[in-house]
Amino acid sequence: MNLESIKPVTELTNITSKDISGALLSSETPLLFKGACSHWPIVQKAIQSNEAAAQHLLSHYTGEPINAFYGEPEINGRVFYNQNMDGFNVNAHQIPLQLVIEKLLSCQNDAKAPTVYMGSTNTARWFPTLENEHDFTLASASPLTSVWLGNQSKIAAHFDFPTNLACNLAGKRRFLLFPPEQIENLYVGPLEFAPGGQAISLVDFENPDFNQFPKFAEALEHALIAELSPGDILLLPSMWWHQVEAKTGFNLSYYCPVCGGTRLKPKQASTCC
């Protein structure tokens, strides 16, 4: 797939996380706030090293086991169904966070590393003091924030009901985004059975089969792309489809849903839910 032909998300600079206004949050298209959270302590640690970022995260960790996922190197980071479509190509485990971090750091430079990640994990329960370092002043900010940690991975295109702020804390991430109405061109899989609980596109975005999925070419005509470095924040409007690719051996993200940011329309609701 030729990524150079995809239009980039609109970038805004000289805006910090505390300056993201309600007017900006109401945008119907994604926005990329470059460097908006680069002043956060954990981002500053990540700029020093992955090890420093990991230790900073652990300093806020309650010690309760987290849900972690493991996939063999052969899946090449693509979190998806198994060959028979009756299960998934990653295995889930409940383990201490320290073990996940040890594995990530030990293979962060391996060309054929297994896929290892902690799915979105509630901040208040597992990292309660981490919130104190963030300076969101939005009256509409949700307490249901979460942290994601992992290495190179490709999370298939899916949507979130609320508007979401994706804060990139460590590593590099790439988002491919599609408007809600492109659902008919994304070949969405089983609604009740998906790797992350949310229905996903069955198209392999890295090597799309246009014979099997011909309408995906139309979806690409409406796609946007965003490349995130440490300290960047991406606004994901409600119901926008997005594939997320973690590009480096150690990636850390913080997600902040926005209360009142759901914009379900009758046609979308009947199609997506």
C-alpha atoms as a PDB file:
ATOM      1  CA  MET A   1       0.000   0.000   0.000  1.00  0.00           C
ATOM      2  CA  ASN A   2       1.337   3.419  -0.985  1.00  0.00           C
ATOM      3  CA  LEU A   3       1.163   5.476   2.218  1.00  0.00           C
ATOM      4  CA  GLU A   4       2.556   8.556   0.479  1.00  0.00           C
ATOM      5  CA  SER A   5      -0.738   8.994  -1.380  1.00  0.00           C
ATOM      6  CA  ILE A   6      -2.763   9.192   1.857  1.00  0.00           C
ATOM      7  CA  LYS A   7      -3.615  12.661   3.120  1.00  0.00           C
ATOM      8  CA  PRO A   8      -2.052  13.552   6.501  1.00  0.00           C
ATOM      9  CA  VAL A   9      -4.131  14.523   9.508  1.00  0.00           C
ATOM     10  CA  THR A  10      -4.199  18.281  10.159  1.00  0.00           C
ATOM     11  CA  GLU A  11      -1.372  19.195  12.568  1.00  0.00           C
ATOM     12  CA  LEU A  12      -1.572  21.926  15.198  1.00  0.00           C
ATOM     13  CA  THR A  13       1.522  23.198  17.011  1.00  0.00           C
ATOM     14  CA  ASN A  14       2.139  25.409  20.042  1.00  0.00           C
ATOM     15  CA  ILE A  15      -0.758  23.779  21.907  1.00  0.00           C
ATOM     16  CA  THR A  16      -0.199  21.946  25.189  1.00  0.00           C
ATOM     17  CA  SER A  17      -2.475  19.322  26.703  1.00  0.00           C
ATOM     18  CA  LYS A  18      -4.094  21.866  29.029  1.00  0.00           C
ATOM     19  CA  ASP A  19      -4.922  24.102  26.035  1.00  0.00           C
ATOM     20  CA  ILE A  20      -7.041  21.557  24.172  1.00  0.00           C
ATOM     21  CA  SER A  21     -10.375  23.342  24.267  1.00  0.00           C
ATOM     22  CA  GLY A  22     -13.909  22.104  23.948  1.00  0.00           C
ATOM     23  CA  ALA A  23     -14.042  23.709  20.518  1.00  0.00           C
ATOM     24  CA  LEU A  24     -11.110  21.587  19.353  1.00  0.00           C
ATOM     25  CA  LEU A  25     -12.642  18.473  20.899  1.00  0.00           C
ATOM     26  CA  SER A  26     -15.789  19.011  18.852  1.00  0.00           C
ATOM     27  CA  SER A  27     -13.860  18.608  15.593  1.00  0.00           C
ATOM     28  CA  GLU A  28     -15.524  16.113  13.262  1.00  0.00           C
ATOM     29  CA  THR A  29     -12.164  15.145  11.772  1.00  0.00           C
ATOM     30  CA  PRO A  30      -8.970  13.959  13.527  1.00  0.00           C
ATOM     31  CA  LEU A  31      -6.417  16.522  14.700  1.00  0.00           C
ATOM     32  CA  LEU A  32      -2.770  15.986  15.633  1.00  0.00           C
ATOM     33  CA  PHE A  33      -1.404  18.191  18.432  1.00  0.00           C
ATOM     34  CA  LYS A  34       2.361  18.035  17.951  1.00  0.00           C
ATOM     35  CA  GLY A  35       4.340  17.975  21.203  1.00  0.00           C
ATOM     36  CA  ALA A  36       1.257  18.753  23.293  1.00  0.00           C
ATOM     37  CA  CYS A  37       2.288  16.454  26.155  1.00  0.00           C
ATOM     38  CA  SER A  38       6.051  16.510  25.636  1.00  0.00           C
ATOM     39  CA  HIS A  39       6.454  18.262  29.004  1.00  0.00           C
ATOM     40  CA  TRP A  40       4.922  15.359  30.940  1.00  0.00           C
ATOM     41  CA  PRO A  41       7.509  13.672  33.222  1.00  0.00           C
ATOM     42  CA  ILE A  42       7.004  10.231  31.719  1.00  0.00           C
ATOM     43  CA  VAL A  43       7.586  11.589  28.199  1.00  0.00           C
ATOM     44  CA  GLN A  44      10.758  13.283  29.383  1.00  0.00           C
ATOM     45  CA  LYS A  45      11.887   9.929  30.792  1.00  0.00           C
ATOM     46  CA  ALA A  46      11.094   8.235  27.475  1.00  0.00           C
ATOM     47  CA  ILE A  47      13.254  10.772  25.640  1.00  0.00           C
ATOM     48  CA  GLN A  48      16.121   9.699  27.927  1.00  0.00           C
ATOM     49  CA  SER A  49      15.622   5.969  27.354  1.00  0.00           C
ATOM     50  CA  ASN A  50      13.037   3.203  27.227  1.00  0.00           C
ATOM     51  CA  GLU A  51      14.399   1.878  30.509  1.00  0.00           C
ATOM     52  CA  ALA A  52      13.809   5.217  32.215  1.00  0.00           C
ATOM     53  CA  ALA A  53      10.229   5.357  30.933  1.00  0.00           C
ATOM     54  CA  ALA A  54       9.606   1.786  32.108  1.00  0.00           C
ATOM     55  CA  GLN A  55      10.887   2.510  35.594  1.00  0.00           C
ATOM     56  CA  HIS A  56       8.758   5.640  35.782  1.00  0.00           C
ATOM     57  CA  LEU A  57       5.645   3.665  34.860  1.00  0.00           C
ATOM     58  CA  LEU A  58       6.488   1.011  37.454  1.00  0.00           C
ATOM     59  CA  SER A  59       6.798   3.700  40.128  1.00  0.00           C
ATOM     60  CA  HIS A  60       3.045   4.344  39.680  1.00  0.00           C
ATOM     61  CA  TYR A  61       2.002   0.663  39.445  1.00  0.00           C
ATOM     62  CA  THR A  62      -0.142  -0.868  42.194  1.00  0.00           C
ATOM     63  CA  GLY A  63       1.275  -4.378  41.733  1.00  0.00           C
ATOM     64  CA  GLU A  64      -2.005  -6.001  40.714  1.00  0.00           C
ATOM     65  CA  PRO A  65      -1.550  -8.438  37.778  1.00  0.00           C
ATOM     66  CA  ILE A  66      -2.428  -7.020  34.372  1.00  0.00           C
ATOM     67  CA  ASN A  67      -3.742  -8.606  31.171  1.00  0.00           C
ATOM     68  CA  ALA A  68      -0.846  -9.192  28.793  1.00  0.00           C
ATOM     69  CA  PHE A  69      -0.805 -10.725  25.329  1.00  0.00           C
ATOM     70  CA  TYR A  70       1.836 -12.776  23.512  1.00  0.00           C
ATOM     71  CA  GLY A  71       2.102 -13.655  19.829  1.00  0.00           C
ATOM     72  CA  GLU A  72       4.788 -15.692  18.096  1.00  0.00           C
ATOM     73  CA  PRO A  73       7.278 -13.857  15.844  1.00  0.00           C
ATOM     74  CA  GLU A  74       5.578 -15.417  12.808  1.00  0.00           C
ATOM     75  CA  ILE A  75       2.524 -13.153  13.123  1.00  0.00           C
ATOM     76  CA  ASN A  76       4.782 -10.166  12.351  1.00  0.00           C
ATOM     77  CA  GLY A  77       2.994  -8.038  14.920  1.00  0.00           C
ATOM     78  CA  ARG A  78      -0.454  -8.353  13.331  1.00  0.00           C
ATOM     79  CA  VAL A  79      -2.992  -9.028  16.100  1.00  0.00           C
ATOM     80  CA  PHE A  80      -5.729 -10.973  14.349  1.00  0.00           C
ATOM     81  CA  TYR A  81      -7.735 -14.185  14.154  1.00  0.00           C
ATOM     82  CA  ASN A  82      -6.140 -17.610  13.874  1.00  0.00           C
ATOM     83  CA  GLN A  83      -6.162 -19.449  10.567  1.00  0.00           C
ATOM     84  CA  ASN A  84      -9.539 -21.104  11.240  1.00  0.00           C
ATOM     85  CA  MET A  85     -11.175 -17.853  12.423  1.00  0.00           C
ATOM     86  CA  ASP A  86     -12.311 -19.619  15.608  1.00  0.00           C
ATOM     87  CA  GLY A  87      -9.761 -17.991  17.916  1.00  0.00           C
ATOM     88  CA  PHE A  88      -6.953 -15.455  17.909  1.00  0.00           C
ATOM     89  CA  ASN A  89      -3.244 -15.482  17.073  1.00  0.00           C
ATOM     90  CA  VAL A  90      -2.221 -14.084  20.478  1.00  0.00           C
ATOM     91  CA  ASN A  91      -2.557 -15.626  23.927  1.00  0.00           C
ATOM     92  CA  ALA A  92      -3.694 -13.744  27.027  1.00  0.00           C
ATOM     93  CA  HIS A  93      -2.038 -14.003  30.444  1.00  0.00           C
ATOM     94  CA  GLN A  94      -2.555 -12.358  33.826  1.00  0.00           C
ATOM     95  CA  ILE A  95       0.928 -11.511  35.085  1.00  0.00           C
ATOM     96  CA  PRO A  96       2.789  -8.767  36.956  1.00  0.00           C
ATOM     97  CA  LEU A  97       3.699  -5.763  34.835  1.00  0.00           C
ATOM     98  CA  GLN A  98       7.381  -6.246  35.667  1.00  0.00           C
ATOM     99  CA  LEU A  99       7.469  -9.438  33.583  1.00  0.00           C
ATOM    100  CA  VAL A 100       6.003  -7.673  30.550  1.00  0.00           C
ATOM    101  CA  ILE A 101       8.537  -4.872  30.834  1.00  0.00           C
ATOM    102  CA  GLU A 102      11.430  -7.299  31.241  1.00  0.00           C
ATOM    103  CA  LYS A 103      10.383  -9.105  28.056  1.00  0.00           C
ATOM    104  CA  LEU A 104       9.935  -5.880  26.097  1.00  0.00           C
ATOM    105  CA  LEU A 105      13.309  -4.475  27.100  1.00  0.00           C
ATOM    106  CA  SER A 106      15.126  -7.761  26.484  1.00  0.00           C
ATOM    107  CA  CYS A 107      13.913  -8.015  22.878  1.00  0.00           C
ATOM    108  CA  GLN A 108      13.480  -4.345  21.978  1.00  0.00           C
ATOM    109  CA  ASN A 109      16.220  -4.540  19.330  1.00  0.00           C
ATOM    110  CA  ASP A 110      15.362  -8.003  17.956  1.00  0.00           C
ATOM    111  CA  ALA A 111      14.365  -8.059  14.290  1.00  0.00           C
ATOM    112  CA  LYS A 112      12.212 -11.167  14.893  1.00  0.00           C
ATOM    113  CA  ALA A 113      10.783 -10.329  18.305  1.00  0.00           C
ATOM    114  CA  PRO A 114       7.514 -11.885  19.475  1.00  0.00           C
ATOM    115  CA  THR A 115       4.533  -9.583  19.839  1.00  0.00           C
ATOM    116  CA  VAL A 116       4.159  -8.557  23.484  1.00  0.00           C
ATOM    117  CA  TYR A 117       1.719  -5.974  24.798  1.00  0.00           C
ATOM    118  CA  MET A 118      -0.464  -4.889  27.679  1.00  0.00           C
ATOM    119  CA  GLY A 119      -3.861  -3.933  26.290  1.00  0.00           C
ATOM    120  CA  SER A 120      -5.558  -0.722  27.385  1.00  0.00           C
ATOM    121  CA  THR A 121      -5.459  -0.877  31.188  1.00  0.00           C
ATOM    122  CA  ASN A 122      -7.469   1.388  33.484  1.00  0.00           C
ATOM    123  CA  THR A 123      -5.257   4.113  34.949  1.00  0.00           C
ATOM    124  CA  ALA A 124      -7.224   4.650  38.158  1.00  0.00           C
ATOM    125  CA  ARG A 125      -6.993   0.979  39.133  1.00  0.00           C
ATOM    126  CA  TRP A 126      -3.459   0.062  38.085  1.00  0.00           C
ATOM    127  CA  PHE A 127      -1.607   3.430  37.899  1.00  0.00           C
ATOM    128  CA  PRO A 128      -3.600   5.793  40.163  1.00  0.00           C
ATOM    129  CA  THR A 129      -0.813   8.294  40.892  1.00  0.00           C
ATOM    130  CA  LEU A 130       0.086   8.667  37.203  1.00  0.00           C
ATOM    131  CA  GLU A 131      -2.924  10.956  36.776  1.00  0.00           C
ATOM    132  CA  ASN A 132      -1.301  13.581  39.000  1.00  0.00           C
ATOM    133  CA  GLU A 133       1.349  14.250  36.326  1.00  0.00           C
ATOM    134  CA  HIS A 134      -1.167  15.122  33.628  1.00  0.00           C
ATOM    135  CA  ASP A 135      -2.499  18.629  33.195  1.00  0.00           C
ATOM    136  CA  PHE A 136      -5.750  18.137  31.299  1.00  0.00           C
ATOM    137  CA  THR A 137      -8.093  20.861  32.492  1.00  0.00           C
ATOM    138  CA  LEU A 138     -11.083  19.751  30.444  1.00  0.00           C
ATOM    139  CA  ALA A 139     -14.372  19.696  32.285  1.00  0.00           C
ATOM    140  CA  SER A 140     -15.412  16.980  29.845  1.00  0.00           C
ATOM    141  CA  ALA A 141     -12.402  14.734  30.399  1.00  0.00           C
ATOM    142  CA  SER A 142     -13.427  11.218  31.398  1.00  0.00           C
ATOM    143  CA  PRO A 143     -11.973   9.440  34.444  1.00  0.00           C
ATOM    144  CA  LEU A 144     -11.893   6.242  32.385  1.00  0.00           C
ATOM    145  CA  THR A 145      -8.374   6.799  31.080  1.00  0.00           C
ATOM    146  CA  SER A 146      -6.102   3.890  30.201  1.00  0.00           C
ATOM    147  CA  VAL A 147      -2.495   2.975  29.464  1.00  0.00           C
ATOM    148  CA  TRP A 148      -1.245   0.772  26.581  1.00  0.00           C
ATOM    149  CA  LEU A 149       2.260  -0.757  26.500  1.00  0.00           C
ATOM    150  CA  GLY A 150       3.921  -2.992  23.930  1.00  0.00           C
ATOM    151  CA  ASN A 151       6.384  -3.489  21.102  1.00  0.00           C
ATOM    152  CA  GLN A 152       5.922  -3.615  17.331  1.00  0.00           C
ATOM    153  CA  SER A 153       2.296  -4.451  16.604  1.00  0.00           C
ATOM    154  CA  LYS A 154      -0.535  -3.804  14.184  1.00  0.00           C
ATOM    155  CA  ILE A 155      -3.978  -3.428  15.749  1.00  0.00           C
ATOM    156  CA  ALA A 156      -6.631  -3.833  13.047  1.00  0.00           C
ATOM    157  CA  ALA A 157      -8.951  -0.953  12.199  1.00  0.00           C
ATOM    158  CA  HIS A 158     -11.737  -0.539  14.762  1.00  0.00           C
ATOM    159  CA  PHE A 159     -13.757   2.341  16.208  1.00  0.00           C
ATOM    160  CA  ASP A 160     -14.345   3.861  19.648  1.00  0.00           C
ATOM    161  CA  PHE A 161     -17.755   5.141  20.734  1.00  0.00           C
ATOM    162  CA  PRO A 162     -16.438   8.222  22.590  1.00  0.00           C
ATOM    163  CA  THR A 163     -14.154  10.851  21.192  1.00  0.00           C
ATOM    164  CA  ASN A 164     -10.675   9.875  22.376  1.00  0.00           C
ATOM    165  CA  LEU A 165      -7.370  11.627  22.967  1.00  0.00           C
ATOM    166  CA  ALA A 166      -4.477   9.272  22.155  1.00  0.00           C
ATOM    167  CA  CYS A 167      -1.363  10.559  23.934  1.00  0.00           C
ATOM    168  CA  ASN A 168       1.875   9.028  22.685  1.00  0.00           C
ATOM    169  CA  LEU A 169       4.298   8.776  25.610  1.00  0.00           C
ATOM    170  CA  ALA A 170       7.128   6.592  24.264  1.00  0.00           C
ATOM    171  CA  GLY A 171       8.068   5.142  20.884  1.00  0.00           C
ATOM    172  CA  LYS A 172       6.457   5.881  17.521  1.00  0.00           C
ATOM    173  CA  ARG A 173       2.966   5.041  16.327  1.00  0.00           C
ATOM    174  CA  ARG A 174       1.145   5.324  13.027  1.00  0.00           C
ATOM    175  CA  PHE A 175      -2.629   5.725  12.722  1.00  0.00           C
ATOM    176  CA  LEU A 176      -4.597   5.096   9.523  1.00  0.00           C
ATOM    177  CA  LEU A 177      -8.040   6.655   9.920  1.00  0.00           C
ATOM    178  CA  PHE A 178     -11.325   6.370   8.058  1.00  0.00           C
ATOM    179  CA  PRO A 179     -14.621   8.297   8.454  1.00  0.00           C
ATOM    180  CA  PRO A 180     -17.520   6.342  10.015  1.00  0.00           C
ATOM    181  CA  GLU A 181     -19.368   6.020   6.719  1.00  0.00           C
ATOM    182  CA  GLN A 182     -16.488   3.971   5.260  1.00  0.00           C
ATOM    183  CA  ILE A 183     -17.593   0.951   7.300  1.00  0.00           C
ATOM    184  CA  GLU A 184     -19.107  -0.601   4.161  1.00  0.00           C
ATOM    185  CA  ASN A 185     -15.691  -0.534   2.451  1.00  0.00           C
ATOM    186  CA  LEU A 186     -13.642  -1.915   5.367  1.00  0.00           C
ATOM    187  CA  TYR A 187     -15.032  -5.477   5.425  1.00  0.00           C
ATOM    188  CA  VAL A 188     -15.710  -5.626   9.144  1.00  0.00           C
ATOM    189  CA  GLY A 189     -15.554  -9.048  10.777  1.00  0.00           C
ATOM    190  CA  PRO A 190     -17.806 -10.788  13.320  1.00  0.00           C
ATOM    191  CA  LEU A 191     -19.462  -8.212  15.583  1.00  0.00           C
ATOM    192  CA  GLU A 192     -19.592 -10.552  18.582  1.00  0.00           C
ATOM    193  CA  PHE A 193     -16.103 -12.085  18.312  1.00  0.00           C
ATOM    194  CA  ALA A 194     -13.006  -9.892  17.904  1.00  0.00           C
ATOM    195  CA  PRO A 195      -9.462  -9.800  19.360  1.00  0.00           C
ATOM    196  CA  GLY A 196     -10.005  -6.613  21.384  1.00  0.00           C
ATOM    197  CA  GLY A 197     -13.746  -6.974  21.866  1.00  0.00           C
ATOM    198  CA  GLN A 198     -14.543  -4.403  19.164  1.00  0.00           C
ATOM    199  CA  ALA A 199     -15.336  -5.474  15.600  1.00  0.00           C
ATOM    200  CA  ILE A 200     -12.357  -5.059  13.259  1.00  0.00           C
ATOM    201  CA  SER A 201     -11.575  -4.767   9.564  1.00  0.00           C
ATOM    202  CA  LEU A 202     -10.517  -8.077   8.005  1.00  0.00           C
ATOM    203  CA  VAL A 203      -8.265  -6.351   5.457  1.00  0.00           C
ATOM    204  CA  ASP A 204      -4.517  -6.742   5.891  1.00  0.00           C
ATOM    205  CA  PHE A 205      -3.583  -3.098   5.455  1.00  0.00           C
ATOM    206  CA  GLU A 206       0.077  -3.907   4.853  1.00  0.00           C
ATOM    207  CA  ASN A 207      -0.742  -6.234   1.939  1.00  0.00           C
ATOM    208  CA  PRO A 208      -4.372  -5.605   0.949  1.00  0.00           C
ATOM    209  CA  ASP A 209      -5.952  -8.202  -1.326  1.00  0.00           C
ATOM    210  CA  PHE A 210      -8.041  -6.077  -3.668  1.00  0.00           C
ATOM    211  CA  ASN A 211      -9.485  -9.155  -5.349  1.00  0.00           C
ATOM    212  CA  GLN A 212     -10.967 -10.349  -2.067  1.00  0.00           C
ATOM    213  CA  PHE A 213     -11.694  -6.845  -0.740  1.00  0.00           C
ATOM    214  CA  PRO A 214     -12.241  -4.656  -3.841  1.00  0.00           C
ATOM    215  CA  LYS A 215     -14.132  -1.858  -2.062  1.00  0.00           C
ATOM    216  CA  PHE A 216     -11.164  -1.206   0.224  1.00  0.00           C
ATOM    217  CA  ALA A 217      -9.692   0.874  -2.608  1.00  0.00           C
ATOM    218  CA  GLU A 218     -12.593   3.297  -2.120  1.00  0.00           C
ATOM    219  CA  ALA A 219     -11.918   3.459   1.620  1.00  0.00           C
ATOM    220  CA  LEU A 220      -8.322   4.465   0.920  1.00  0.00           C
ATOM    221  CA  GLU A 221      -9.574   7.437  -1.081  1.00  0.00           C
ATOM    222  CA  HIS A 222     -11.002   8.823   2.183  1.00  0.00           C
ATOM    223  CA  ALA A 223      -8.209   7.757   4.534  1.00  0.00           C
ATOM    224  CA  LEU A 224      -6.020   9.989   6.694  1.00  0.00           C
ATOM    225  CA  ILE A 225      -2.635   9.181   8.225  1.00  0.00           C
ATOM    226  CA  ALA A 226      -0.969  10.401  11.409  1.00  0.00           C
ATOM    227  CA  GLU A 227       2.578   9.695  12.564  1.00  0.00           C
ATOM    228  CA  LEU A 228       3.056  10.146  16.318  1.00  0.00           C
ATOM    229  CA  SER A 229       6.338  10.738  18.162  1.00  0.00           C
ATOM    230  CA  PRO A 230       6.749  10.958  21.948  1.00  0.00           C
ATOM    231  CA  GLY A 231       4.710  13.887  23.278  1.00  0.00           C
ATOM    232  CA  ASP A 232       2.155  14.018  20.447  1.00  0.00           C
ATOM    233  CA  ILE A 233      -1.615  13.817  21.037  1.00  0.00           C
ATOM    234  CA  LEU A 234      -4.093  12.630  18.397  1.00  0.00           C
ATOM    235  CA  LEU A 235      -7.775  13.539  18.595  1.00  0.00           C
ATOM    236  CA  LEU A 236      -9.899  10.576  17.464  1.00  0.00           C
ATOM    237  CA  PRO A 237     -13.478  11.735  16.884  1.00  0.00           C
ATOM    238  CA  SER A 238     -16.281   9.402  17.877  1.00  0.00           C
ATOM    239  CA  MET A 239     -16.842   6.458  15.510  1.00  0.00           C
ATOM    240  CA  TRP A 240     -13.802   7.087  13.298  1.00  0.00           C
ATOM    241  CA  TRP A 241     -12.173   3.807  12.248  1.00  0.00           C
ATOM    242  CA  HIS A 242      -8.462   3.593  12.993  1.00  0.00           C
ATOM    243  CA  GLN A 243      -5.689   1.064  12.551  1.00  0.00           C
ATOM    244  CA  VAL A 244      -2.844   1.556  15.021  1.00  0.00           C
ATOM    245  CA  GLU A 245       0.697   0.432  14.268  1.00  0.00           C
ATOM    246  CA  ALA A 246       3.358   0.572  16.965  1.00  0.00           C
ATOM    247  CA  LYS A 247       6.604   1.123  15.095  1.00  0.00           C
ATOM    248  CA  THR A 248       9.296   0.627  17.744  1.00  0.00           C
ATOM    249  CA  GLY A 249      10.413  -1.981  20.261  1.00  0.00           C
ATOM    250  CA  PHE A 250       8.998  -0.076  23.216  1.00  0.00           C
ATOM    251  CA  ASN A 251       5.760   1.906  22.914  1.00  0.00           C
ATOM    252  CA  LEU A 252       3.691   3.519  25.646  1.00  0.00           C
ATOM    253  CA  SER A 253       0.389   5.374  25.186  1.00  0.00           C
ATOM    254  CA  TYR A 254      -2.222   7.040  27.357  1.00  0.00           C
ATOM    255  CA  TYR A 255      -5.860   7.241  26.233  1.00  0.00           C
ATOM    256  CA  CYS A 256      -8.333   9.814  27.508  1.00  0.00           C
ATOM    257  CA  PRO A 257     -11.975   9.364  26.434  1.00  0.00           C
ATOM    258  CA  VAL A 258     -13.984  12.573  26.388  1.00  0.00           C
ATOM    259  CA  CYS A 259     -17.372  12.606  28.129  1.00  0.00           C
ATOM    260  CA  GLY A 260     -20.152  13.702  25.839  1.00  0.00           C
ATOM    261  CA  GLY A 261     -17.992  13.005  22.794  1.00  0.00           C
ATOM    262  CA  THR A 262     -20.191  10.285  21.320  1.00  0.00           C
ATOM    263  CA  ARG A 263     -21.974  11.310  18.154  1.00  0.00           C
ATOM    264  CA  LEU A 264     -23.980   8.253  17.135  1.00  0.00           C
ATOM    265  CA  LYS A 265     -26.336   8.934  14.272  1.00  0.00           C
ATOM    266  CA  PRO A 266     -29.237   6.563  13.657  1.00  0.00           C
ATOM    267  CA  LYS A 267     -27.731   5.137  10.460  1.00  0.00           C
ATOM    268  CA  GLN A 268     -24.317   4.612  12.086  1.00  0.00           C
ATOM    269  CA  ALA A 269     -25.820   3.096  15.216  1.00  0.00           C
ATOM    270  CA  SER A 270     -27.818   0.523  13.274  1.00  0.00           C
ATOM    271  CA  THR A 271     -24.782  -0.345  11.154  1.00  0.00           C
ATOM    272  CA  CYS A 272     -22.099  -0.503  13.832  1.00  0.00           C
ATOM    273  CA  CYS A 273     -23.769  -1.776  16.996  1.00  0.00           C
END
